[in-house]
Protein backbone atom coordinates (compact mmCIF):
# COMPACT_ATOMS: atom_id res chain seq x y z
CA MET A 1 0.00 0.00 0.00
CA TYR A 2 1.36 3.39 -1.04
CA VAL A 3 0.50 5.22 2.20
CA ALA A 4 2.29 2.66 4.38
CA ALA A 5 5.28 2.62 2.04
CA ARG A 6 5.60 6.40 2.23
CA ARG A 7 5.55 6.30 6.05
CA GLN A 8 8.33 3.71 5.96
CA GLU A 9 10.36 5.88 3.56
CA LEU A 10 10.01 8.85 5.90
CA ALA A 11 11.09 6.72 8.85
CA ILE A 12 14.24 5.67 6.99
CA GLU A 13 14.99 9.30 6.07
CA TYR A 14 14.51 10.48 9.67
CA LYS A 15 16.75 7.71 11.01
CA ALA A 16 19.47 8.73 8.56
CA VAL A 17 19.23 12.40 9.54
CA ALA A 18 19.30 11.43 13.22
CA LYS A 19 22.74 9.88 12.69
CA SER A 20 24.19 13.17 11.48
CA SER A 21 26.75 14.82 13.72
CA ALA A 22 25.55 18.23 12.52
CA ILE A 23 22.38 18.13 14.66
CA SER A 24 21.81 18.38 18.38
CA THR A 25 21.37 15.31 20.56
CA GLU A 26 17.83 16.41 21.38
CA ARG A 27 16.92 16.69 17.68
CA ALA A 28 18.44 13.27 17.01
CA ILE A 29 16.39 11.72 19.82
CA LEU A 30 13.19 13.31 18.50
CA LEU A 31 13.90 12.20 14.93
CA LYS A 32 14.51 8.62 16.10
CA SER A 33 11.27 8.70 18.08
CA VAL A 34 9.29 9.99 15.09
CA ALA A 35 10.94 7.35 12.90
CA ARG A 36 9.84 4.59 15.30
CA THR A 37 6.31 5.99 15.33
CA LEU A 38 6.19 6.15 11.53
CA THR A 39 7.48 2.59 11.27
CA GLY A 40 4.77 1.41 13.67
CA LEU A 41 2.12 3.31 11.73
CA ALA A 42 3.35 1.82 8.44
CA ASN A 43 3.15 -1.68 9.92
CA GLN A 44 -0.37 -1.08 11.22
CA LEU A 45 -1.50 0.33 7.86
CA ASP A 46 -0.10 -2.75 6.11
CA ARG A 47 -1.93 -5.04 8.53
CA LEU A 48 -5.16 -3.09 8.07
CA ALA A 49 -4.89 -3.27 4.28
CA SER A 50 -4.24 -7.01 4.45
CA LEU A 51 -7.19 -7.58 6.77
CA THR A 52 -9.45 -5.48 4.54
CA ARG A 53 -8.46 -7.55 1.50
CA ASP A 54 -9.03 -10.81 3.38
CA GLU A 55 -12.44 -9.71 4.64
CA ALA A 56 -13.49 -8.59 1.15
CA ARG A 57 -12.35 -11.94 -0.28
CA HIS A 58 -14.34 -13.86 2.33
CA ALA A 59 -17.41 -11.70 1.75
CA ARG A 60 -17.23 -12.33 -2.00
CA ALA A 61 -16.78 -16.06 -1.42
CA ALA A 62 -19.83 -16.11 0.87
CA ASP A 63 -21.87 -14.18 -1.70
CA ASP A 64 -20.91 -16.68 -4.40
CA ARG A 65 -22.38 -19.64 -2.50
CA PRO A 66 -25.63 -20.99 -3.93
CA GLY A 67 -28.59 -19.87 -1.84
CA ALA A 68 -26.53 -17.33 0.06
CA GLU A 69 -28.62 -14.62 1.66
CA PRO A 70 -27.64 -10.99 2.08
CA GLU A 71 -26.27 -10.18 5.53
CA ASP A 72 -29.49 -8.50 6.62
CA GLY A 73 -31.27 -11.84 6.20
CA GLN A 74 -33.56 -10.73 3.38
CA ARG A 75 -33.53 -12.50 0.05
CA LEU A 76 -33.50 -10.32 -3.04
């Protein structure tokens, strides 16, 4: 997923900048913290996208069964 990938790219960039000797220790600590947060967010977005795809696949499979009823229990 593009959104998750972009968060991961930003995390990598922030980690690289945090290693620079040209910035203060406090800035480096904050950049590392933001990078960890972005990495966590990217992972959660990936998991959410995967779950969404799986649920959609299962819903389509259930709809394809002969005699399957809509979720609200009413036949069309």
